[in-house]
Amino acid sequence: MDFEEILKELKASLLQLFGEKWEDLKGESKKDVEQFLKDSKEKLKRWTVLLANGDITLDDYEWLVKSQKDLLLMKALHRAGVSKISLGHFKNKIIRVIIDVVKNIVIS
């Protein structure tokens, strides 16, 4: 398992998600995505290795990733006036994308 490849896939998938929802903010949001992945990299790597080794379940992994939700600052969207409710829903989509990407790579 190459975690750097997983990170690349996560970044691409998250940027695509931003582009689908807020095309005009995709460039600014790229910084937010990169910052989140940088801040969460070590934890995500550790948890992904545990998942790949069968030391934790997918449910455990999902719970752990959800614990990182507060690190998703989404500064660009906040500056653009996106409501807190919309940001909350979008953060949930981001978490779902992370879990789905890892699941597809690690548990396939």
PDB file of N, CA and C in Angstrom:
ATOM      1  N   MET A   1       0.843  -1.184   0.000  1.00  0.00           N
ATOM      2  CA  MET A   1       0.000   0.000   0.000  1.00  0.00           C
ATOM      3  C   MET A   1       0.889   1.249   0.000  1.00  0.00           C
ATOM      4  N   ASP A   2       0.699   2.079  -0.996  1.00  0.00           N
ATOM      5  CA  ASP A   2       1.462   3.315  -1.125  1.00  0.00           C
ATOM      6  C   ASP A   2       0.577   4.478  -0.662  1.00  0.00           C
ATOM      7  N   PHE A   3       0.861   4.978   0.537  1.00  0.00           N
ATOM      8  CA  PHE A   3       0.002   6.016   1.104  1.00  0.00           C
ATOM      9  C   PHE A   3       0.087   7.318   0.317  1.00  0.00           C
ATOM     10  N   GLU A   4       1.217   7.609  -0.286  1.00  0.00           N
ATOM     11  CA  GLU A   4       1.335   8.832  -1.094  1.00  0.00           C
ATOM     12  C   GLU A   4       0.376   8.787  -2.282  1.00  0.00           C
ATOM     13  N   GLU A   5       0.193   7.603  -2.858  1.00  0.00           N
ATOM     14  CA  GLU A   5      -0.774   7.451  -3.957  1.00  0.00           C
ATOM     15  C   GLU A   5      -2.192   7.662  -3.447  1.00  0.00           C
ATOM     16  N   ILE A   6      -2.465   7.177  -2.248  1.00  0.00           N
ATOM     17  CA  ILE A   6      -3.786   7.392  -1.648  1.00  0.00           C
ATOM     18  C   ILE A   6      -4.011   8.883  -1.440  1.00  0.00           C
ATOM     19  N   LEU A   7      -2.998   9.587  -0.952  1.00  0.00           N
ATOM     20  CA  LEU A   7      -3.125  11.038  -0.759  1.00  0.00           C
ATOM     21  C   LEU A   7      -3.396  11.758  -2.076  1.00  0.00           C
ATOM     22  N   LYS A   8      -2.702  11.356  -3.126  1.00  0.00           N
ATOM     23  CA  LYS A   8      -2.936  11.972  -4.443  1.00  0.00           C
ATOM     24  C   LYS A   8      -4.370  11.750  -4.896  1.00  0.00           C
ATOM     25  N   GLU A   9      -4.858  10.539  -4.706  1.00  0.00           N
ATOM     26  CA  GLU A   9      -6.234  10.215  -5.092  1.00  0.00           C
ATOM     27  C   GLU A   9      -7.231  11.006  -4.245  1.00  0.00           C
ATOM     28  N   LEU A  10      -6.948  11.125  -2.957  1.00  0.00           N
ATOM     29  CA  LEU A  10      -7.819  11.914  -2.080  1.00  0.00           C
ATOM     30  C   LEU A  10      -7.875  13.369  -2.530  1.00  0.00           C
ATOM     31  N   LYS A  11      -6.720  13.928  -2.818  1.00  0.00           N
ATOM     32  CA  LYS A  11      -6.655  15.322  -3.246  1.00  0.00           C
ATOM     33  C   LYS A  11      -7.441  15.529  -4.535  1.00  0.00           C
ATOM     34  N   ALA A  12      -7.238  14.658  -5.496  1.00  0.00           N
ATOM     35  CA  ALA A  12      -7.943  14.772  -6.777  1.00  0.00           C
ATOM     36  C   ALA A  12      -9.451  14.641  -6.584  1.00  0.00           C
ATOM     37  N   SER A  13      -9.874  13.684  -5.775  1.00  0.00           N
ATOM     38  CA  SER A  13     -11.309  13.472  -5.545  1.00  0.00           C
ATOM     39  C   SER A  13     -11.940  14.648  -4.807  1.00  0.00           C
ATOM     40  N   LEU A  14     -11.214  15.200  -3.841  1.00  0.00           N
ATOM     41  CA  LEU A  14     -11.751  16.334  -3.085  1.00  0.00           C
ATOM     42  C   LEU A  14     -11.821  17.584  -3.946  1.00  0.00           C
ATOM     43  N   LEU A  15     -10.830  17.804  -4.780  1.00  0.00           N
ATOM     44  CA  LEU A  15     -10.874  18.963  -5.679  1.00  0.00           C
ATOM     45  C   LEU A  15     -12.004  18.826  -6.698  1.00  0.00           C
ATOM     46  N   GLN A  16     -12.251  17.619  -7.135  1.00  0.00           N
ATOM     47  CA  GLN A  16     -13.373  17.386  -8.044  1.00  0.00           C
ATOM     48  C   GLN A  16     -14.693  17.692  -7.338  1.00  0.00           C
ATOM     49  N   LEU A  17     -14.808  17.282  -6.087  1.00  0.00           N
ATOM     50  CA  LEU A  17     -16.016  17.562  -5.299  1.00  0.00           C
ATOM     51  C   LEU A  17     -16.235  19.066  -5.179  1.00  0.00           C
ATOM     52  N   PHE A  18     -15.171  19.811  -4.892  1.00  0.00           N
ATOM     53  CA  PHE A  18     -15.276  21.273  -4.816  1.00  0.00           C
ATOM     54  C   PHE A  18     -15.727  21.845  -6.153  1.00  0.00           C
ATOM     55  N   GLY A  19     -15.126  21.347  -7.217  1.00  0.00           N
ATOM     56  CA  GLY A  19     -15.450  21.850  -8.545  1.00  0.00           C
ATOM     57  C   GLY A  19     -16.896  21.613  -8.919  1.00  0.00           C
ATOM     58  N   GLU A  20     -17.447  20.482  -8.486  1.00  0.00           N
ATOM     59  CA  GLU A  20     -18.848  20.172  -8.780  1.00  0.00           C
ATOM     60  C   GLU A  20     -19.792  21.110  -8.042  1.00  0.00           C
ATOM     61  N   LYS A  21     -19.425  21.487  -6.840  1.00  0.00           N
ATOM     62  CA  LYS A  21     -20.308  22.308  -6.002  1.00  0.00           C
ATOM     63  C   LYS A  21     -20.053  23.802  -6.196  1.00  0.00           C
ATOM     64  N   TRP A  22     -18.779  24.198  -6.189  1.00  0.00           N
ATOM     65  CA  TRP A  22     -18.417  25.616  -6.272  1.00  0.00           C
ATOM     66  C   TRP A  22     -17.278  25.802  -7.259  1.00  0.00           C
ATOM     67  N   GLU A  23     -17.577  25.716  -8.537  1.00  0.00           N
ATOM     68  CA  GLU A  23     -16.556  25.807  -9.592  1.00  0.00           C
ATOM     69  C   GLU A  23     -15.735  27.087  -9.482  1.00  0.00           C
ATOM     70  N   ASP A  24     -16.391  28.200  -9.181  1.00  0.00           N
ATOM     71  CA  ASP A  24     -15.694  29.484  -9.125  1.00  0.00           C
ATOM     72  C   ASP A  24     -14.748  29.599  -7.935  1.00  0.00           C
ATOM     73  N   LEU A  25     -14.863  28.706  -6.959  1.00  0.00           N
ATOM     74  CA  LEU A  25     -13.994  28.750  -5.779  1.00  0.00           C
ATOM     75  C   LEU A  25     -12.993  27.590  -5.748  1.00  0.00           C
ATOM     76  N   LYS A  26     -12.933  26.848  -6.831  1.00  0.00           N
ATOM     77  CA  LYS A  26     -12.085  25.654  -6.852  1.00  0.00           C
ATOM     78  C   LYS A  26     -10.625  25.985  -6.568  1.00  0.00           C
ATOM     79  N   GLY A  27     -10.113  27.062  -7.149  1.00  0.00           N
ATOM     80  CA  GLY A  27      -8.717  27.432  -6.941  1.00  0.00           C
ATOM     81  C   GLY A  27      -8.404  27.769  -5.498  1.00  0.00           C
ATOM     82  N   GLU A  28      -9.262  28.597  -4.889  1.00  0.00           N
ATOM     83  CA  GLU A  28      -9.043  28.971  -3.492  1.00  0.00           C
ATOM     84  C   GLU A  28      -9.224  27.770  -2.567  1.00  0.00           C
ATOM     85  N   SER A  29     -10.184  26.923  -2.908  1.00  0.00           N
ATOM     86  CA  SER A  29     -10.463  25.767  -2.067  1.00  0.00           C
ATOM     87  C   SER A  29      -9.337  24.745  -2.102  1.00  0.00           C
ATOM     88  N   LYS A  30      -8.541  24.758  -3.162  1.00  0.00           N
ATOM     89  CA  LYS A  30      -7.409  23.837  -3.267  1.00  0.00           C
ATOM     90  C   LYS A  30      -6.482  24.006  -2.067  1.00  0.00           C
ATOM     91  N   LYS A  31      -6.282  25.244  -1.640  1.00  0.00           N
ATOM     92  CA  LYS A  31      -5.421  25.503  -0.479  1.00  0.00           C
ATOM     93  C   LYS A  31      -6.016  24.877   0.776  1.00  0.00           C
ATOM     94  N   ASP A  32      -7.342  24.983   0.923  1.00  0.00           N
ATOM     95  CA  ASP A  32      -8.003  24.394   2.088  1.00  0.00           C
ATOM     96  C   ASP A  32      -7.864  22.874   2.097  1.00  0.00           C
ATOM     97  N   VAL A  33      -8.032  22.252   0.934  1.00  0.00           N
ATOM     98  CA  VAL A  33      -7.888  20.800   0.822  1.00  0.00           C
ATOM     99  C   VAL A  33      -6.461  20.387   1.160  1.00  0.00           C
ATOM    100  N   GLU A  34      -5.493  21.086   0.586  1.00  0.00           N
ATOM    101  CA  GLU A  34      -4.090  20.754   0.846  1.00  0.00           C
ATOM    102  C   GLU A  34      -3.741  20.929   2.325  1.00  0.00           C
ATOM    103  N   GLN A  35      -4.255  21.978   2.941  1.00  0.00           N
ATOM    104  CA  GLN A  35      -3.986  22.206   4.359  1.00  0.00           C
ATOM    105  C   GLN A  35      -4.595  21.108   5.221  1.00  0.00           C
ATOM    106  N   PHE A  36      -5.828  20.724   4.914  1.00  0.00           N
ATOM    107  CA  PHE A  36      -6.473  19.648   5.675  1.00  0.00           C
ATOM    108  C   PHE A  36      -5.686  18.352   5.548  1.00  0.00           C
ATOM    109  N   LEU A  37      -5.293  18.006   4.318  1.00  0.00           N
ATOM    110  CA  LEU A  37      -4.544  16.763   4.119  1.00  0.00           C
ATOM    111  C   LEU A  37      -3.183  16.819   4.809  1.00  0.00           C
ATOM    112  N   LYS A  38      -2.564  17.990   4.797  1.00  0.00           N
ATOM    113  CA  LYS A  38      -1.277  18.155   5.487  1.00  0.00           C
ATOM    114  C   LYS A  38      -1.460  17.987   6.998  1.00  0.00           C
ATOM    115  N   ASP A  39      -2.490  18.634   7.541  1.00  0.00           N
ATOM    116  CA  ASP A  39      -2.740  18.563   8.986  1.00  0.00           C
ATOM    117  C   ASP A  39      -3.142  17.157   9.436  1.00  0.00           C
ATOM    118  N   SER A  40      -3.788  16.425   8.564  1.00  0.00           N
ATOM    119  CA  SER A  40      -4.314  15.102   8.923  1.00  0.00           C
ATOM    120  C   SER A  40      -3.461  13.942   8.424  1.00  0.00           C
ATOM    121  N   LYS A  41      -2.415  14.228   7.681  1.00  0.00           N
ATOM    122  CA  LYS A  41      -1.657  13.191   6.981  1.00  0.00           C
ATOM    123  C   LYS A  41      -1.198  12.056   7.886  1.00  0.00           C
ATOM    124  N   GLU A  42      -0.554  12.374   8.969  1.00  0.00           N
ATOM    125  CA  GLU A  42       0.000  11.325   9.833  1.00  0.00           C
ATOM    126  C   GLU A  42      -1.091  10.446  10.432  1.00  0.00           C
ATOM    127  N   LYS A  43      -2.164  11.073  10.876  1.00  0.00           N
ATOM    128  CA  LYS A  43      -3.271  10.292  11.444  1.00  0.00           C
ATOM    129  C   LYS A  43      -3.925   9.435  10.370  1.00  0.00           C
ATOM    130  N   LEU A  44      -4.196  10.036   9.217  1.00  0.00           N
ATOM    131  CA  LEU A  44      -4.813   9.268   8.136  1.00  0.00           C
ATOM    132  C   LEU A  44      -3.930   8.090   7.726  1.00  0.00           C
ATOM    133  N   LYS A  45      -2.636   8.328   7.673  1.00  0.00           N
ATOM    134  CA  LYS A  45      -1.711   7.252   7.308  1.00  0.00           C
ATOM    135  C   LYS A  45      -1.757   6.129   8.342  1.00  0.00           C
ATOM    136  N   ARG A  46      -1.677   6.489   9.605  1.00  0.00           N
ATOM    137  CA  ARG A  46      -1.691   5.485  10.678  1.00  0.00           C
ATOM    138  C   ARG A  46      -2.996   4.680  10.640  1.00  0.00           C
ATOM    139  N   TRP A  47      -4.121   5.389  10.506  1.00  0.00           N
ATOM    140  CA  TRP A  47      -5.419   4.714  10.494  1.00  0.00           C
ATOM    141  C   TRP A  47      -5.593   3.852   9.247  1.00  0.00           C
ATOM    142  N   THR A  48      -5.076   4.316   8.117  1.00  0.00           N
ATOM    143  CA  THR A  48      -5.194   3.551   6.873  1.00  0.00           C
ATOM    144  C   THR A  48      -4.367   2.275   6.955  1.00  0.00           C
ATOM    145  N   VAL A  49      -3.189   2.343   7.555  1.00  0.00           N
ATOM    146  CA  VAL A  49      -2.360   1.151   7.753  1.00  0.00           C
ATOM    147  C   VAL A  49      -3.079   0.167   8.677  1.00  0.00           C
ATOM    148  N   LEU A  50      -3.664   0.677   9.750  1.00  0.00           N
ATOM    149  CA  LEU A  50      -4.411  -0.189  10.665  1.00  0.00           C
ATOM    150  C   LEU A  50      -5.572  -0.874   9.944  1.00  0.00           C
ATOM    151  N   LEU A  51      -6.270  -0.108   9.099  1.00  0.00           N
ATOM    152  CA  LEU A  51      -7.374  -0.679   8.333  1.00  0.00           C
ATOM    153  C   LEU A  51      -6.875  -1.738   7.359  1.00  0.00           C
ATOM    154  N   ALA A  52      -5.804  -1.438   6.647  1.00  0.00           N
ATOM    155  CA  ALA A  52      -5.239  -2.377   5.671  1.00  0.00           C
ATOM    156  C   ALA A  52      -4.770  -3.668   6.333  1.00  0.00           C
ATOM    157  N   ASN A  53      -4.265  -3.544   7.552  1.00  0.00           N
ATOM    158  CA  ASN A  53      -3.772  -4.719   8.284  1.00  0.00           C
ATOM    159  C   ASN A  53      -4.886  -5.481   8.999  1.00  0.00           C
ATOM    160  N   GLY A  54      -6.102  -4.934   8.973  1.00  0.00           N
ATOM    161  CA  GLY A  54      -7.217  -5.590   9.650  1.00  0.00           C
ATOM    162  C   GLY A  54      -7.250  -5.342  11.145  1.00  0.00           C
ATOM    163  N   ASP A  55      -6.468  -4.369  11.611  1.00  0.00           N
ATOM    164  CA  ASP A  55      -6.430  -4.075  13.046  1.00  0.00           C
ATOM    165  C   ASP A  55      -7.616  -3.240  13.503  1.00  0.00           C
ATOM    166  N   ILE A  56      -8.260  -2.537  12.568  1.00  0.00           N
ATOM    167  CA  ILE A  56      -9.497  -1.810  12.862  1.00  0.00           C
ATOM    168  C   ILE A  56     -10.490  -2.115  11.740  1.00  0.00           C
ATOM    169  N   THR A  57     -11.768  -1.928  12.051  1.00  0.00           N
ATOM    170  CA  THR A  57     -12.810  -2.160  11.049  1.00  0.00           C
ATOM    171  C   THR A  57     -13.030  -0.878  10.248  1.00  0.00           C
ATOM    172  N   LEU A  58     -13.785  -1.005   9.170  1.00  0.00           N
ATOM    173  CA  LEU A  58     -14.139   0.166   8.373  1.00  0.00           C
ATOM    174  C   LEU A  58     -14.966   1.145   9.209  1.00  0.00           C
ATOM    175  N   ASP A  59     -15.817   0.624  10.087  1.00  0.00           N
ATOM    176  CA  ASP A  59     -16.596   1.499  10.981  1.00  0.00           C
ATOM    177  C   ASP A  59     -15.684   2.283  11.919  1.00  0.00           C
ATOM    178  N   ASP A  60     -14.662   1.609  12.442  1.00  0.00           N
ATOM    179  CA  ASP A  60     -13.686   2.297  13.298  1.00  0.00           C
ATOM    180  C   ASP A  60     -12.980   3.391  12.510  1.00  0.00           C
ATOM    181  N   TYR A  61     -12.586   3.052  11.288  1.00  0.00           N
ATOM    182  CA  TYR A  61     -11.893   4.018  10.431  1.00  0.00           C
ATOM    183  C   TYR A  61     -12.781   5.231  10.171  1.00  0.00           C
ATOM    184  N   GLU A  62     -14.034   4.969   9.848  1.00  0.00           N
ATOM    185  CA  GLU A  62     -14.970   6.061   9.587  1.00  0.00           C
ATOM    186  C   GLU A  62     -15.106   6.965  10.811  1.00  0.00           C
ATOM    187  N   TRP A  63     -15.210   6.380  11.973  1.00  0.00           N
ATOM    188  CA  TRP A  63     -15.333   7.161  13.206  1.00  0.00           C
ATOM    189  C   TRP A  63     -14.081   8.020  13.416  1.00  0.00           C
ATOM    190  N   LEU A  64     -12.923   7.446  13.180  1.00  0.00           N
ATOM    191  CA  LEU A  64     -11.672   8.183  13.343  1.00  0.00           C
ATOM    192  C   LEU A  64     -11.575   9.345  12.355  1.00  0.00           C
ATOM    193  N   VAL A  65     -11.931   9.099  11.103  1.00  0.00           N
ATOM    194  CA  VAL A  65     -11.866  10.168  10.103  1.00  0.00           C
ATOM    195  C   VAL A  65     -12.852  11.283  10.458  1.00  0.00           C
ATOM    196  N   LYS A  66     -14.039  10.918  10.917  1.00  0.00           N
ATOM    197  CA  LYS A  66     -15.025  11.930  11.312  1.00  0.00           C
ATOM    198  C   LYS A  66     -14.501  12.797  12.450  1.00  0.00           C
ATOM    199  N   SER A  67     -13.600  12.253  13.250  1.00  0.00           N
ATOM    200  CA  SER A  67     -13.035  13.035  14.356  1.00  0.00           C
ATOM    201  C   SER A  67     -12.162  14.184  13.851  1.00  0.00           C
ATOM    202  N   GLN A  68     -11.773  14.131  12.590  1.00  0.00           N
ATOM    203  CA  GLN A  68     -10.946  15.184  11.990  1.00  0.00           C
ATOM    204  C   GLN A  68     -11.783  16.305  11.372  1.00  0.00           C
ATOM    205  N   LYS A  69     -13.080  16.194  11.439  1.00  0.00           N
ATOM    206  CA  LYS A  69     -13.977  17.134  10.764  1.00  0.00           C
ATOM    207  C   LYS A  69     -13.706  18.589  11.144  1.00  0.00           C
ATOM    208  N   ASP A  70     -13.345  18.832  12.386  1.00  0.00           N
ATOM    209  CA  ASP A  70     -13.099  20.212  12.820  1.00  0.00           C
ATOM    210  C   ASP A  70     -11.858  20.819  12.173  1.00  0.00           C
ATOM    211  N   LEU A  71     -10.971  19.981  11.634  1.00  0.00           N
ATOM    212  CA  LEU A  71      -9.795  20.500  10.932  1.00  0.00           C
ATOM    213  C   LEU A  71     -10.141  21.032   9.545  1.00  0.00           C
ATOM    214  N   LEU A  72     -11.333  20.690   9.075  1.00  0.00           N
ATOM    215  CA  LEU A  72     -11.795  21.180   7.771  1.00  0.00           C
ATOM    216  C   LEU A  72     -12.285  22.609   7.932  1.00  0.00           C
ATOM    217  N   LEU A  73     -11.396  23.553   7.751  1.00  0.00           N
ATOM    218  CA  LEU A  73     -11.742  24.950   8.006  1.00  0.00           C
ATOM    219  C   LEU A  73     -12.511  25.602   6.865  1.00  0.00           C
ATOM    220  N   MET A  74     -12.262  25.205   5.643  1.00  0.00           N
ATOM    221  CA  MET A  74     -12.973  25.722   4.482  1.00  0.00           C
ATOM    222  C   MET A  74     -13.002  27.252   4.461  1.00  0.00           C
ATOM    223  N   LYS A  75     -11.841  27.838   4.611  1.00  0.00           N
ATOM    224  CA  LYS A  75     -11.725  29.301   4.668  1.00  0.00           C
ATOM    225  C   LYS A  75     -12.267  29.976   3.419  1.00  0.00           C
ATOM    226  N   ALA A  76     -11.978  29.418   2.261  1.00  0.00           N
ATOM    227  CA  ALA A  76     -12.425  30.036   0.999  1.00  0.00           C
ATOM    228  C   ALA A  76     -13.941  30.069   0.930  1.00  0.00           C
ATOM    229  N   LEU A  77     -14.580  28.987   1.325  1.00  0.00           N
ATOM    230  CA  LEU A  77     -16.040  28.954   1.274  1.00  0.00           C
ATOM    231  C   LEU A  77     -16.643  29.885   2.317  1.00  0.00           C
ATOM    232  N   HIS A  78     -16.023  29.957   3.468  1.00  0.00           N
ATOM    233  CA  HIS A  78     -16.514  30.841   4.520  1.00  0.00           C
ATOM    234  C   HIS A  78     -16.409  32.302   4.071  1.00  0.00           C
ATOM    235  N   ARG A  79     -15.279  32.677   3.490  1.00  0.00           N
ATOM    236  CA  ARG A  79     -15.097  34.038   2.985  1.00  0.00           C
ATOM    237  C   ARG A  79     -16.097  34.372   1.891  1.00  0.00           C
ATOM    238  N   ALA A  80     -16.485  33.365   1.127  1.00  0.00           N
ATOM    239  CA  ALA A  80     -17.428  33.586   0.023  1.00  0.00           C
ATOM    240  C   ALA A  80     -18.865  33.697   0.515  1.00  0.00           C
ATOM    241  N   GLY A  81     -19.077  33.513   1.812  1.00  0.00           N
ATOM    242  CA  GLY A  81     -20.405  33.692   2.376  1.00  0.00           C
ATOM    243  C   GLY A  81     -21.265  32.443   2.402  1.00  0.00           C
ATOM    244  N   VAL A  82     -20.664  31.276   2.227  1.00  0.00           N
ATOM    245  CA  VAL A  82     -21.420  30.034   2.288  1.00  0.00           C
ATOM    246  C   VAL A  82     -21.881  29.832   3.729  1.00  0.00           C
ATOM    247  N   SER A  83     -23.138  29.491   3.912  1.00  0.00           N
ATOM    248  CA  SER A  83     -23.708  29.361   5.264  1.00  0.00           C
ATOM    249  C   SER A  83     -23.053  28.225   6.042  1.00  0.00           C
ATOM    250  N   LYS A  84     -23.129  28.331   7.362  1.00  0.00           N
ATOM    251  CA  LYS A  84     -22.550  27.296   8.225  1.00  0.00           C
ATOM    252  C   LYS A  84     -23.229  25.953   8.002  1.00  0.00           C
ATOM    253  N   ILE A  85     -24.513  25.981   7.718  1.00  0.00           N
ATOM    254  CA  ILE A  85     -25.237  24.733   7.472  1.00  0.00           C
ATOM    255  C   ILE A  85     -24.715  24.071   6.198  1.00  0.00           C
ATOM    256  N   SER A  86     -24.557  24.869   5.134  1.00  0.00           N
ATOM    257  CA  SER A  86     -24.024  24.325   3.885  1.00  0.00           C
ATOM    258  C   SER A  86     -22.604  23.813   4.075  1.00  0.00           C
ATOM    259  N   LEU A  87     -21.798  24.551   4.850  1.00  0.00           N
ATOM    260  CA  LEU A  87     -20.432  24.097   5.130  1.00  0.00           C
ATOM    261  C   LEU A  87     -20.445  22.776   5.886  1.00  0.00           C
ATOM    262  N   GLY A  88     -21.352  22.646   6.844  1.00  0.00           N
ATOM    263  CA  GLY A  88     -21.460  21.396   7.607  1.00  0.00           C
ATOM    264  C   GLY A  88     -21.811  20.213   6.717  1.00  0.00           C
ATOM    265  N   HIS A  89     -22.779  20.417   5.822  1.00  0.00           N
ATOM    266  CA  HIS A  89     -23.156  19.352   4.889  1.00  0.00           C
ATOM    267  C   HIS A  89     -21.996  19.010   3.959  1.00  0.00           C
ATOM    268  N   PHE A  90     -21.283  20.037   3.522  1.00  0.00           N
ATOM    269  CA  PHE A  90     -20.165  19.811   2.611  1.00  0.00           C
ATOM    270  C   PHE A  90     -19.029  19.081   3.320  1.00  0.00           C
ATOM    271  N   LYS A  91     -18.778  19.413   4.567  1.00  0.00           N
ATOM    272  CA  LYS A  91     -17.749  18.704   5.335  1.00  0.00           C
ATOM    273  C   LYS A  91     -18.101  17.217   5.433  1.00  0.00           C
ATOM    274  N   ASN A  92     -19.389  16.923   5.622  1.00  0.00           N
ATOM    275  CA  ASN A  92     -19.822  15.521   5.676  1.00  0.00           C
ATOM    276  C   ASN A  92     -19.541  14.817   4.354  1.00  0.00           C
ATOM    277  N   LYS A  93     -19.750  15.509   3.236  1.00  0.00           N
ATOM    278  CA  LYS A  93     -19.452  14.931   1.925  1.00  0.00           C
ATOM    279  C   LYS A  93     -17.955  14.673   1.786  1.00  0.00           C
ATOM    280  N   ILE A  94     -17.147  15.590   2.287  1.00  0.00           N
ATOM    281  CA  ILE A  94     -15.695  15.422   2.225  1.00  0.00           C
ATOM    282  C   ILE A  94     -15.266  14.179   2.996  1.00  0.00           C
ATOM    283  N   ILE A  95     -15.799  14.028   4.194  1.00  0.00           N
ATOM    284  CA  ILE A  95     -15.487  12.852   5.016  1.00  0.00           C
ATOM    285  C   ILE A  95     -15.897  11.586   4.269  1.00  0.00           C
ATOM    286  N   ARG A  96     -17.074  11.600   3.656  1.00  0.00           N
ATOM    287  CA  ARG A  96     -17.563  10.442   2.906  1.00  0.00           C
ATOM    288  C   ARG A  96     -16.631  10.104   1.744  1.00  0.00           C
ATOM    289  N   VAL A  97     -16.152  11.127   1.029  1.00  0.00           N
ATOM    290  CA  VAL A  97     -15.225  10.910  -0.088  1.00  0.00           C
ATOM    291  C   VAL A  97     -13.935  10.263   0.424  1.00  0.00           C
ATOM    292  N   ILE A  98     -13.408  10.764   1.527  1.00  0.00           N
ATOM    293  CA  ILE A  98     -12.173  10.200   2.096  1.00  0.00           C
ATOM    294  C   ILE A  98     -12.375   8.719   2.414  1.00  0.00           C
ATOM    295  N   ILE A  99     -13.461   8.403   3.074  1.00  0.00           N
ATOM    296  CA  ILE A  99     -13.722   7.014   3.455  1.00  0.00           C
ATOM    297  C   ILE A  99     -13.899   6.140   2.215  1.00  0.00           C
ATOM    298  N   ASP A 100     -14.643   6.629   1.230  1.00  0.00           N
ATOM    299  CA  ASP A 100     -14.885   5.848   0.018  1.00  0.00           C
ATOM    300  C   ASP A 100     -13.602   5.606  -0.778  1.00  0.00           C
ATOM    301  N   VAL A 101     -12.768   6.638  -0.901  1.00  0.00           N
ATOM    302  CA  VAL A 101     -11.507   6.483  -1.638  1.00  0.00           C
ATOM    303  C   VAL A 101     -10.618   5.451  -0.958  1.00  0.00           C
ATOM    304  N   VAL A 102     -10.457   5.575   0.345  1.00  0.00           N
ATOM    305  CA  VAL A 102      -9.602   4.631   1.077  1.00  0.00           C
ATOM    306  C   VAL A 102     -10.175   3.222   1.002  1.00  0.00           C
ATOM    307  N   LYS A 103     -11.487   3.106   1.180  1.00  0.00           N
ATOM    308  CA  LYS A 103     -12.123   1.788   1.120  1.00  0.00           C
ATOM    309  C   LYS A 103     -11.887   1.142  -0.246  1.00  0.00           C
ATOM    310  N   ASN A 104     -12.033   1.904  -1.307  1.00  0.00           N
ATOM    311  CA  ASN A 104     -11.855   1.365  -2.662  1.00  0.00           C
ATOM    312  C   ASN A 104     -10.422   0.940  -2.932  1.00  0.00           C
ATOM    313  N   ILE A 105      -9.473   1.616  -2.326  1.00  0.00           N
ATOM    314  CA  ILE A 105      -8.069   1.276  -2.547  1.00  0.00           C
ATOM    315  C   ILE A 105      -7.603   0.167  -1.615  1.00  0.00           C
ATOM    316  N   VAL A 106      -7.962   0.264  -0.356  1.00  0.00           N
ATOM    317  CA  VAL A 106      -7.431  -0.643   0.662  1.00  0.00           C
ATOM    318  C   VAL A 106      -8.218  -1.954   0.768  1.00  0.00           C
ATOM    319  N   ILE A 107      -9.533  -1.856   0.638  1.00  0.00           N
ATOM    320  CA  ILE A 107     -10.367  -3.048   0.854  1.00  0.00           C
ATOM    321  C   ILE A 107     -10.972  -3.508  -0.468  1.00  0.00           C
ATOM    322  N   SER A 108     -10.189  -3.564  -1.494  1.00  0.00           N
ATOM    323  CA  SER A 108     -10.767  -4.006  -2.775  1.00  0.00           C
ATOM    324  C   SER A 108     -10.287  -5.367  -3.167  1.00  0.00           C
TER     325      SER A 108
END
